[in-house]
Amino acid sequence: MPTYRDYLWLRQTYPTWLGNGYAAALVRTDPESLLTALGWVSPRVDVVGVGGGIGASVVEDGTWSVDLETEQTLAVASVSGDGGEWTLLAQQDSYYVGIDPVAMLPVLGERFELVCHSNIGGYGGFCWWRDGVEQIAFEPMLAMHVLHAGSHWSGDGPGATVKDLIVNRTGGIYVEPGDYTDNDHHIEGCFALAEALTGVHLSREVLDSARFTVAPWRCNPGFGGTTLGSIRPASQPEYPSVGASPVSTTPIHSRCVRGPRPEAGRTRHQDR
């Protein structure tokens, strides 16, 4: 069983990724299916390793630049986990697609399993979806507000499963008020918890050798990034809880949309 100690090397090895507003999502599907569901736009660039650069500069050239107000970049790579192939969706520069249930609705509606965590602008998020239903969602640095006894996620369901994993196995995240042990390792704890839930071990060898496809993704003009914790306070769940009906494909918020692909041979600058 993984623990946060297995990932203590991460921050020093990938400072650009983890130190600049990262998001990491594991989706039980293949990379091409994920990009198709999310609605990527051209161009696409292949890079090897998360340390090789997965930000906007990767897809920029003399005729294309990523508009930070309306676009983000998605970097996807095939990884192995429980049940076979998963896709790692990695982002930096405070991009947040994987942690935003609205942006991920096309994926959630198709019954993919999703585990995502992030640390953006001082706010973190961890979520786990299965079969179109949110299993758990919390801010890693404030997990005690969600996983403590008597909370919305307490009981015998997924919340109890996650709490047991953190307390007795993965560590790195404190879940009881007053328990600040290892809180400075909440990022490492998120990677360990994600591995425990998916079976995907993101070793240095995997992250250095993974073949990423990097492509722009378009959202509504003027849309500013937000994290899971600021979308919905933990005490007031807005998204379906365990036992609720699967999510609708109708967006809960109107912030994000899948942008149309430019016509063949046209660049975004020509589309303006």
C-alpha atoms as a PDB file:
ATOM      1  CA  MET A   1       0.000   0.000   0.000  1.00  0.00           C
ATOM      2  CA  PRO A   2       1.462   3.407  -0.971  1.00  0.00           C
ATOM      3  CA  THR A   3       2.224   6.103   1.591  1.00  0.00           C
ATOM      4  CA  TYR A   4       3.049   9.773   1.224  1.00  0.00           C
ATOM      5  CA  ARG A   5       6.694   8.894   1.902  1.00  0.00           C
ATOM      6  CA  ASP A   6       6.798   7.152  -1.474  1.00  0.00           C
ATOM      7  CA  TYR A   7       6.329  10.556  -3.107  1.00  0.00           C
ATOM      8  CA  LEU A   8       8.673  12.755  -1.062  1.00  0.00           C
ATOM      9  CA  TRP A   9      10.881  13.197  -4.136  1.00  0.00           C
ATOM     10  CA  LEU A  10       8.128  14.793  -6.229  1.00  0.00           C
ATOM     11  CA  ARG A  11       8.381  18.488  -5.407  1.00  0.00           C
ATOM     12  CA  GLN A  12      12.134  18.674  -5.805  1.00  0.00           C
ATOM     13  CA  THR A  13      12.059  16.700  -9.053  1.00  0.00           C
ATOM     14  CA  TYR A  14       9.216  18.612 -10.761  1.00  0.00           C
ATOM     15  CA  PRO A  15       9.230  22.171  -9.333  1.00  0.00           C
ATOM     16  CA  THR A  16       7.755  23.682 -12.509  1.00  0.00           C
ATOM     17  CA  TRP A  17       4.785  21.331 -12.486  1.00  0.00           C
ATOM     18  CA  LEU A  18       3.994  21.081  -8.779  1.00  0.00           C
ATOM     19  CA  GLY A  19       5.141  24.552  -7.789  1.00  0.00           C
ATOM     20  CA  ASN A  20       3.122  26.459 -10.366  1.00  0.00           C
ATOM     21  CA  GLY A  21      -0.515  25.540  -9.783  1.00  0.00           C
ATOM     22  CA  TYR A  22      -0.685  21.859 -10.684  1.00  0.00           C
ATOM     23  CA  ALA A  23      -3.595  19.524 -11.353  1.00  0.00           C
ATOM     24  CA  ALA A  24      -3.359  15.762 -11.840  1.00  0.00           C
ATOM     25  CA  ALA A  25      -6.329  13.635 -12.870  1.00  0.00           C
ATOM     26  CA  LEU A  26      -6.481   9.879 -13.383  1.00  0.00           C
ATOM     27  CA  VAL A  27      -9.325   8.794 -15.644  1.00  0.00           C
ATOM     28  CA  ARG A  28     -10.162   5.182 -16.428  1.00  0.00           C
ATOM     29  CA  THR A  29     -10.058   5.426 -20.210  1.00  0.00           C
ATOM     30  CA  ASP A  30      -7.495   5.913 -22.965  1.00  0.00           C
ATOM     31  CA  PRO A  31      -5.980   9.327 -23.812  1.00  0.00           C
ATOM     32  CA  GLU A  32      -7.679   9.688 -27.198  1.00  0.00           C
ATOM     33  CA  SER A  33     -11.117   8.982 -25.740  1.00  0.00           C
ATOM     34  CA  LEU A  34     -10.521  11.532 -22.996  1.00  0.00           C
ATOM     35  CA  LEU A  35      -9.422  14.259 -25.418  1.00  0.00           C
ATOM     36  CA  THR A  36     -12.411  13.531 -27.648  1.00  0.00           C
ATOM     37  CA  ALA A  37     -14.837  13.700 -24.718  1.00  0.00           C
ATOM     38  CA  LEU A  38     -13.389  16.993 -23.469  1.00  0.00           C
ATOM     39  CA  GLY A  39     -13.310  18.547 -26.928  1.00  0.00           C
ATOM     40  CA  TRP A  40      -9.690  19.536 -27.559  1.00  0.00           C
ATOM     41  CA  VAL A  41      -8.745  22.034 -30.243  1.00  0.00           C
ATOM     42  CA  SER A  42      -5.743  22.053 -32.594  1.00  0.00           C
ATOM     43  CA  PRO A  43      -2.756  21.898 -32.595  1.00  0.00           C
ATOM     44  CA  ARG A  44      -1.465  18.803 -30.788  1.00  0.00           C
ATOM     45  CA  VAL A  45       2.149  18.346 -29.705  1.00  0.00           C
ATOM     46  CA  ASP A  46       3.830  15.201 -28.355  1.00  0.00           C
ATOM     47  CA  VAL A  47       6.306  15.500 -25.476  1.00  0.00           C
ATOM     48  CA  VAL A  48       8.097  12.906 -23.348  1.00  0.00           C
ATOM     49  CA  GLY A  49       7.912  13.264 -19.587  1.00  0.00           C
ATOM     50  CA  VAL A  50       6.053  15.722 -17.398  1.00  0.00           C
ATOM     51  CA  GLY A  51       9.345  17.490 -16.714  1.00  0.00           C
ATOM     52  CA  GLY A  52       9.767  18.278 -20.397  1.00  0.00           C
ATOM     53  CA  GLY A  53       7.113  20.963 -20.259  1.00  0.00           C
ATOM     54  CA  ILE A  54       3.318  20.600 -20.440  1.00  0.00           C
ATOM     55  CA  GLY A  55       2.314  24.261 -20.311  1.00  0.00           C
ATOM     56  CA  ALA A  56       1.059  26.668 -22.936  1.00  0.00           C
ATOM     57  CA  SER A  57       4.518  27.292 -24.412  1.00  0.00           C
ATOM     58  CA  VAL A  58       4.608  23.707 -25.689  1.00  0.00           C
ATOM     59  CA  VAL A  59       1.874  24.318 -28.257  1.00  0.00           C
ATOM     60  CA  GLU A  60       2.796  27.879 -29.150  1.00  0.00           C
ATOM     61  CA  ASP A  61       4.592  28.652 -32.383  1.00  0.00           C
ATOM     62  CA  GLY A  62       4.706  31.446 -34.900  1.00  0.00           C
ATOM     63  CA  THR A  63       1.026  31.110 -35.840  1.00  0.00           C
ATOM     64  CA  TRP A  64      -0.572  30.008 -32.580  1.00  0.00           C
ATOM     65  CA  SER A  65      -0.595  31.202 -28.991  1.00  0.00           C
ATOM     66  CA  VAL A  66      -2.784  30.107 -26.105  1.00  0.00           C
ATOM     67  CA  ASP A  67      -5.160  32.802 -24.889  1.00  0.00           C
ATOM     68  CA  LEU A  68      -4.905  32.499 -21.100  1.00  0.00           C
ATOM     69  CA  GLU A  69      -8.374  33.985 -20.612  1.00  0.00           C
ATOM     70  CA  THR A  70     -10.188  31.548 -22.871  1.00  0.00           C
ATOM     71  CA  GLU A  71      -7.959  28.476 -23.225  1.00  0.00           C
ATOM     72  CA  GLN A  72      -5.966  25.960 -21.234  1.00  0.00           C
ATOM     73  CA  THR A  73      -3.624  23.153 -22.238  1.00  0.00           C
ATOM     74  CA  LEU A  74      -4.345  19.483 -21.587  1.00  0.00           C
ATOM     75  CA  ALA A  75      -1.475  16.998 -21.327  1.00  0.00           C
ATOM     76  CA  VAL A  76      -2.605  13.358 -21.440  1.00  0.00           C
ATOM     77  CA  ALA A  77      -0.614  10.130 -21.269  1.00  0.00           C
ATOM     78  CA  SER A  78      -1.449   6.446 -20.934  1.00  0.00           C
ATOM     79  CA  VAL A  79      -0.584   4.823 -17.574  1.00  0.00           C
ATOM     80  CA  SER A  80      -1.339   1.429 -16.039  1.00  0.00           C
ATOM     81  CA  GLY A  81      -3.532   0.842 -13.007  1.00  0.00           C
ATOM     82  CA  ASP A  82      -6.286  -1.328 -11.584  1.00  0.00           C
ATOM     83  CA  GLY A  83      -8.284  -2.870 -14.408  1.00  0.00           C
ATOM     84  CA  GLY A  84      -5.819  -1.933 -17.148  1.00  0.00           C
ATOM     85  CA  GLU A  85      -5.313   1.389 -18.925  1.00  0.00           C
ATOM     86  CA  TRP A  86      -5.852   4.775 -17.282  1.00  0.00           C
ATOM     87  CA  THR A  87      -5.064   8.262 -18.541  1.00  0.00           C
ATOM     88  CA  LEU A  88      -3.055  10.824 -16.608  1.00  0.00           C
ATOM     89  CA  LEU A  89      -4.310  14.341 -17.323  1.00  0.00           C
ATOM     90  CA  ALA A  90      -1.596  16.706 -16.075  1.00  0.00           C
ATOM     91  CA  GLN A  91      -1.803  20.497 -15.980  1.00  0.00           C
ATOM     92  CA  GLN A  92       0.246  23.386 -14.602  1.00  0.00           C
ATOM     93  CA  ASP A  93       0.066  27.208 -14.616  1.00  0.00           C
ATOM     94  CA  SER A  94      -3.043  27.082 -12.370  1.00  0.00           C
ATOM     95  CA  TYR A  95      -5.082  25.194 -14.967  1.00  0.00           C
ATOM     96  CA  TYR A  96      -7.820  23.161 -13.347  1.00  0.00           C
ATOM     97  CA  VAL A  97      -9.881  21.145 -15.847  1.00  0.00           C
ATOM     98  CA  GLY A  98      -9.504  17.819 -14.051  1.00  0.00           C
ATOM     99  CA  ILE A  99     -10.603  19.147 -10.664  1.00  0.00           C
ATOM    100  CA  ASP A 100     -13.654  21.003 -12.009  1.00  0.00           C
ATOM    101  CA  PRO A 101     -16.763  18.763 -12.167  1.00  0.00           C
ATOM    102  CA  VAL A 102     -18.362  21.121 -14.685  1.00  0.00           C
ATOM    103  CA  ALA A 103     -15.481  20.904 -17.122  1.00  0.00           C
ATOM    104  CA  MET A 104     -15.350  17.126 -16.656  1.00  0.00           C
ATOM    105  CA  LEU A 105     -19.087  16.538 -17.158  1.00  0.00           C
ATOM    106  CA  PRO A 106     -18.576  14.980 -20.620  1.00  0.00           C
ATOM    107  CA  VAL A 107     -16.340  12.393 -18.952  1.00  0.00           C
ATOM    108  CA  LEU A 108     -18.440  11.846 -15.836  1.00  0.00           C
ATOM    109  CA  GLY A 109     -21.566  11.413 -17.929  1.00  0.00           C
ATOM    110  CA  GLU A 110     -19.940   8.513 -19.774  1.00  0.00           C
ATOM    111  CA  ARG A 111     -19.365   6.598 -16.540  1.00  0.00           C
ATOM    112  CA  PHE A 112     -15.594   6.912 -16.478  1.00  0.00           C
ATOM    113  CA  GLU A 113     -13.917   6.706 -13.088  1.00  0.00           C
ATOM    114  CA  LEU A 114     -12.037   9.869 -12.101  1.00  0.00           C
ATOM    115  CA  VAL A 115      -9.622  10.703  -9.300  1.00  0.00           C
ATOM    116  CA  CYS A 116      -8.154  14.212  -9.351  1.00  0.00           C
ATOM    117  CA  HIS A 117      -6.158  16.451  -7.040  1.00  0.00           C
ATOM    118  CA  SER A 118      -4.653  19.921  -7.358  1.00  0.00           C
ATOM    119  CA  ASN A 119      -2.967  22.800  -5.570  1.00  0.00           C
ATOM    120  CA  ILE A 120      -3.844  26.081  -7.237  1.00  0.00           C
ATOM    121  CA  GLY A 121      -3.262  29.526  -5.772  1.00  0.00           C
ATOM    122  CA  GLY A 122      -2.963  28.156  -2.245  1.00  0.00           C
ATOM    123  CA  TYR A 123      -6.183  26.141  -2.547  1.00  0.00           C
ATOM    124  CA  GLY A 124      -6.187  22.408  -3.046  1.00  0.00           C
ATOM    125  CA  GLY A 125      -8.809  19.931  -4.069  1.00  0.00           C
ATOM    126  CA  PHE A 126      -9.268  16.165  -4.159  1.00  0.00           C
ATOM    127  CA  CYS A 127     -12.237  14.433  -5.757  1.00  0.00           C
ATOM    128  CA  TRP A 128     -13.229  10.883  -6.642  1.00  0.00           C
ATOM    129  CA  TRP A 129     -16.047  10.087  -9.075  1.00  0.00           C
ATOM    130  CA  ARG A 130     -17.332   6.669 -10.090  1.00  0.00           C
ATOM    131  CA  ASP A 131     -20.231   5.725 -12.400  1.00  0.00           C
ATOM    132  CA  GLY A 132     -21.317   9.352 -12.692  1.00  0.00           C
ATOM    133  CA  VAL A 133     -21.579   9.872  -8.915  1.00  0.00           C
ATOM    134  CA  GLU A 134     -19.268  11.946  -6.748  1.00  0.00           C
ATOM    135  CA  GLN A 135     -17.845   9.659  -4.092  1.00  0.00           C
ATOM    136  CA  ILE A 136     -15.853  12.232  -2.107  1.00  0.00           C
ATOM    137  CA  ALA A 137     -14.615  15.813  -2.483  1.00  0.00           C
ATOM    138  CA  PHE A 138     -12.484  17.843  -0.083  1.00  0.00           C
ATOM    139  CA  GLU A 139      -9.615  20.288   0.247  1.00  0.00           C
ATOM    140  CA  PRO A 140      -6.540  18.331   1.383  1.00  0.00           C
ATOM    141  CA  MET A 141      -5.410  21.058   3.789  1.00  0.00           C
ATOM    142  CA  LEU A 142      -8.918  21.247   5.287  1.00  0.00           C
ATOM    143  CA  ALA A 143      -9.861  17.583   5.142  1.00  0.00           C
ATOM    144  CA  MET A 144     -10.946  17.562   8.796  1.00  0.00           C
ATOM    145  CA  HIS A 145     -13.987  19.690   7.852  1.00  0.00           C
ATOM    146  CA  VAL A 146     -15.210  16.959   5.502  1.00  0.00           C
ATOM    147  CA  LEU A 147     -13.995  13.651   6.922  1.00  0.00           C
ATOM    148  CA  HIS A 148     -14.549  14.176  10.655  1.00  0.00           C
ATOM    149  CA  ALA A 149     -17.256  12.245  12.495  1.00  0.00           C
ATOM    150  CA  GLY A 150     -20.726  13.643  11.816  1.00  0.00           C
ATOM    151  CA  SER A 151     -19.827  15.380   8.565  1.00  0.00           C
ATOM    152  CA  HIS A 152     -21.675  15.017   5.268  1.00  0.00           C
ATOM    153  CA  TRP A 153     -19.170  12.414   4.087  1.00  0.00           C
ATOM    154  CA  SER A 154     -19.010  10.433   7.348  1.00  0.00           C
ATOM    155  CA  GLY A 155     -20.632   7.040   7.835  1.00  0.00           C
ATOM    156  CA  ASP A 156     -19.967   3.748   6.131  1.00  0.00           C
ATOM    157  CA  GLY A 157     -19.660   5.033   2.560  1.00  0.00           C
ATOM    158  CA  PRO A 158     -16.742   6.280   0.465  1.00  0.00           C
ATOM    159  CA  GLY A 159     -15.909   8.977   3.003  1.00  0.00           C
ATOM    160  CA  ALA A 160     -15.161   6.322   5.597  1.00  0.00           C
ATOM    161  CA  THR A 161     -13.107   4.391   3.048  1.00  0.00           C
ATOM    162  CA  VAL A 162     -11.009   7.449   2.204  1.00  0.00           C
ATOM    163  CA  LYS A 163     -10.562   8.407   5.848  1.00  0.00           C
ATOM    164  CA  ASP A 164      -9.398   4.887   6.695  1.00  0.00           C
ATOM    165  CA  LEU A 165      -6.907   4.971   3.827  1.00  0.00           C
ATOM    166  CA  ILE A 166      -5.480   8.309   4.967  1.00  0.00           C
ATOM    167  CA  VAL A 167      -5.309   7.551   8.684  1.00  0.00           C
ATOM    168  CA  ASN A 168      -4.108   3.964   8.551  1.00  0.00           C
ATOM    169  CA  ARG A 169      -2.211   3.711   5.268  1.00  0.00           C
ATOM    170  CA  THR A 170      -1.336   6.638   3.006  1.00  0.00           C
ATOM    171  CA  GLY A 171      -0.931   9.497   5.519  1.00  0.00           C
ATOM    172  CA  GLY A 172       0.194  13.017   4.672  1.00  0.00           C
ATOM    173  CA  ILE A 173      -3.271  14.573   5.164  1.00  0.00           C
ATOM    174  CA  TYR A 174      -4.769  15.352   8.575  1.00  0.00           C
ATOM    175  CA  VAL A 175      -8.430  14.486   9.022  1.00  0.00           C
ATOM    176  CA  GLU A 176      -9.261  15.337  12.631  1.00  0.00           C
ATOM    177  CA  PRO A 177      -9.359  18.847  14.163  1.00  0.00           C
ATOM    178  CA  GLY A 178      -6.118  19.480  16.026  1.00  0.00           C
ATOM    179  CA  ASP A 179      -4.228  16.751  14.189  1.00  0.00           C
ATOM    180  CA  TYR A 180      -1.618  18.591  12.150  1.00  0.00           C
ATOM    181  CA  THR A 181       0.773  15.681  11.727  1.00  0.00           C
ATOM    182  CA  ASP A 182       2.458  15.657   8.319  1.00  0.00           C
ATOM    183  CA  ASN A 183       0.228  18.415   6.962  1.00  0.00           C
ATOM    184  CA  ASP A 184       3.173  19.825   5.038  1.00  0.00           C
ATOM    185  CA  HIS A 185       3.039  16.638   2.977  1.00  0.00           C
ATOM    186  CA  HIS A 186      -0.527  17.010   1.738  1.00  0.00           C
ATOM    187  CA  ILE A 187       0.557  17.024  -1.937  1.00  0.00           C
ATOM    188  CA  GLU A 188       2.477  13.790  -1.464  1.00  0.00           C
ATOM    189  CA  GLY A 189      -0.504  12.443   0.482  1.00  0.00           C
ATOM    190  CA  CYS A 190      -2.799  13.185  -2.449  1.00  0.00           C
ATOM    191  CA  PHE A 191      -0.580  11.254  -4.856  1.00  0.00           C
ATOM    192  CA  ALA A 192      -0.512   8.294  -2.450  1.00  0.00           C
ATOM    193  CA  LEU A 193      -4.290   8.403  -1.918  1.00  0.00           C
ATOM    194  CA  ALA A 194      -4.881   8.575  -5.676  1.00  0.00           C
ATOM    195  CA  GLU A 195      -2.684   5.508  -6.122  1.00  0.00           C
ATOM    196  CA  ALA A 196      -4.569   3.643  -3.409  1.00  0.00           C
ATOM    197  CA  LEU A 197      -7.867   4.345  -5.192  1.00  0.00           C
ATOM    198  CA  THR A 198      -6.711   3.641  -8.759  1.00  0.00           C
ATOM    199  CA  GLY A 199      -3.677   1.372  -8.581  1.00  0.00           C
ATOM    200  CA  VAL A 200      -1.741   3.885 -10.718  1.00  0.00           C
ATOM    201  CA  HIS A 201       1.782   4.300  -9.347  1.00  0.00           C
ATOM    202  CA  LEU A 202       3.268   7.510 -10.709  1.00  0.00           C
ATOM    203  CA  SER A 203       6.918   6.698 -10.153  1.00  0.00           C
ATOM    204  CA  ARG A 204       9.705   8.950 -11.381  1.00  0.00           C
ATOM    205  CA  GLU A 205      10.361   6.449 -14.168  1.00  0.00           C
ATOM    206  CA  VAL A 206       6.722   6.625 -15.273  1.00  0.00           C
ATOM    207  CA  LEU A 207       6.548  10.422 -15.175  1.00  0.00           C
ATOM    208  CA  ASP A 208       9.882  10.808 -16.977  1.00  0.00           C
ATOM    209  CA  SER A 209       9.073   8.344 -19.766  1.00  0.00           C
ATOM    210  CA  ALA A 210       5.334   8.909 -20.275  1.00  0.00           C
ATOM    211  CA  ARG A 211       4.458  10.110 -23.771  1.00  0.00           C
ATOM    212  CA  PHE A 212       2.136  13.086 -23.397  1.00  0.00           C
ATOM    213  CA  THR A 213      -0.111  14.578 -26.021  1.00  0.00           C
ATOM    214  CA  VAL A 214      -0.495  18.299 -25.290  1.00  0.00           C
ATOM    215  CA  ALA A 215      -3.445  20.138 -26.823  1.00  0.00           C
ATOM    216  CA  PRO A 216      -5.370  23.366 -26.141  1.00  0.00           C
ATOM    217  CA  TRP A 217      -8.847  23.269 -24.602  1.00  0.00           C
ATOM    218  CA  ARG A 218     -11.228  26.193 -24.918  1.00  0.00           C
ATOM    219  CA  CYS A 219     -13.560  27.612 -22.247  1.00  0.00           C
ATOM    220  CA  ASN A 220     -15.899  30.593 -22.108  1.00  0.00           C
ATOM    221  CA  PRO A 221     -14.267  34.014 -22.629  1.00  0.00           C
ATOM    222  CA  GLY A 222     -13.465  35.733 -19.371  1.00  0.00           C
ATOM    223  CA  PHE A 223     -13.704  32.521 -17.342  1.00  0.00           C
ATOM    224  CA  GLY A 224     -11.300  32.633 -14.423  1.00  0.00           C
ATOM    225  CA  GLY A 225      -9.883  29.506 -12.832  1.00  0.00           C
ATOM    226  CA  THR A 226     -11.424  28.122  -9.679  1.00  0.00           C
ATOM    227  CA  THR A 227     -10.811  25.141  -7.454  1.00  0.00           C
ATOM    228  CA  LEU A 228     -13.164  22.503  -6.175  1.00  0.00           C
ATOM    229  CA  GLY A 229     -13.179  23.955  -2.683  1.00  0.00           C
ATOM    230  CA  SER A 230     -14.293  27.402  -3.870  1.00  0.00           C
ATOM    231  CA  ILE A 231     -16.967  25.960  -6.154  1.00  0.00           C
ATOM    232  CA  ARG A 232     -18.866  24.342  -3.295  1.00  0.00           C
ATOM    233  CA  PRO A 233     -18.328  24.671   0.462  1.00  0.00           C
ATOM    234  CA  ALA A 234     -17.946  21.237   2.003  1.00  0.00           C
ATOM    235  CA  SER A 235     -20.857  21.877   4.359  1.00  0.00           C
ATOM    236  CA  GLN A 236     -23.249  22.644   1.503  1.00  0.00           C
ATOM    237  CA  PRO A 237     -22.935  19.933  -1.155  1.00  0.00           C
ATOM    238  CA  GLU A 238     -24.169  21.071  -4.531  1.00  0.00           C
ATOM    239  CA  TYR A 239     -23.265  18.046  -6.615  1.00  0.00           C
ATOM    240  CA  PRO A 240     -24.797  14.569  -6.356  1.00  0.00           C
ATOM    241  CA  SER A 241     -23.886  12.733  -3.155  1.00  0.00           C
ATOM    242  CA  VAL A 242     -23.409   9.005  -2.759  1.00  0.00           C
ATOM    243  CA  GLY A 243     -26.607   7.210  -3.647  1.00  0.00           C
ATOM    244  CA  ALA A 244     -27.935  10.037  -5.805  1.00  0.00           C
ATOM    245  CA  SER A 245     -28.786   9.666  -9.453  1.00  0.00           C
ATOM    246  CA  PRO A 246     -25.870   9.886 -11.914  1.00  0.00           C
ATOM    247  CA  VAL A 247     -24.955  13.378 -13.019  1.00  0.00           C
ATOM    248  CA  SER A 248     -26.846  15.000 -15.819  1.00  0.00           C
ATOM    249  CA  THR A 249     -25.014  16.009 -18.967  1.00  0.00           C
ATOM    250  CA  THR A 250     -26.591  19.479 -18.558  1.00  0.00           C
ATOM    251  CA  PRO A 251     -23.908  21.766 -17.054  1.00  0.00           C
ATOM    252  CA  ILE A 252     -24.561  22.695 -13.422  1.00  0.00           C
ATOM    253  CA  HIS A 253     -22.785  25.998 -14.047  1.00  0.00           C
ATOM    254  CA  SER A 254     -22.457  27.750 -17.379  1.00  0.00           C
ATOM    255  CA  ARG A 255     -18.775  28.556 -17.033  1.00  0.00           C
ATOM    256  CA  CYS A 256     -17.062  25.967 -19.228  1.00  0.00           C
ATOM    257  CA  VAL A 257     -17.889  24.789 -22.704  1.00  0.00           C
ATOM    258  CA  ARG A 258     -16.118  22.607 -25.185  1.00  0.00           C
ATOM    259  CA  GLY A 259     -14.852  24.863 -27.924  1.00  0.00           C
ATOM    260  CA  PRO A 260     -15.364  23.882 -31.575  1.00  0.00           C
ATOM    261  CA  ARG A 261     -12.340  22.689 -33.483  1.00  0.00           C
ATOM    262  CA  PRO A 262     -11.047  25.244 -35.994  1.00  0.00           C
ATOM    263  CA  GLU A 263     -11.576  24.356 -39.612  1.00  0.00           C
ATOM    264  CA  ALA A 264      -8.767  22.395 -41.245  1.00  0.00           C
ATOM    265  CA  GLY A 265      -5.897  24.651 -42.187  1.00  0.00           C
ATOM    266  CA  ARG A 266      -7.073  27.543 -39.998  1.00  0.00           C
ATOM    267  CA  THR A 267      -5.413  28.821 -36.862  1.00  0.00           C
ATOM    268  CA  ARG A 268      -7.063  30.426 -33.884  1.00  0.00           C
ATOM    269  CA  HIS A 269      -5.738  33.824 -34.959  1.00  0.00           C
ATOM    270  CA  GLN A 270      -7.553  33.444 -38.280  1.00  0.00           C
ATOM    271  CA  ASP A 271     -10.750  32.548 -36.417  1.00  0.00           C
ATOM    272  CA  ARG A 272     -10.820  35.873 -34.569  1.00  0.00           C
END
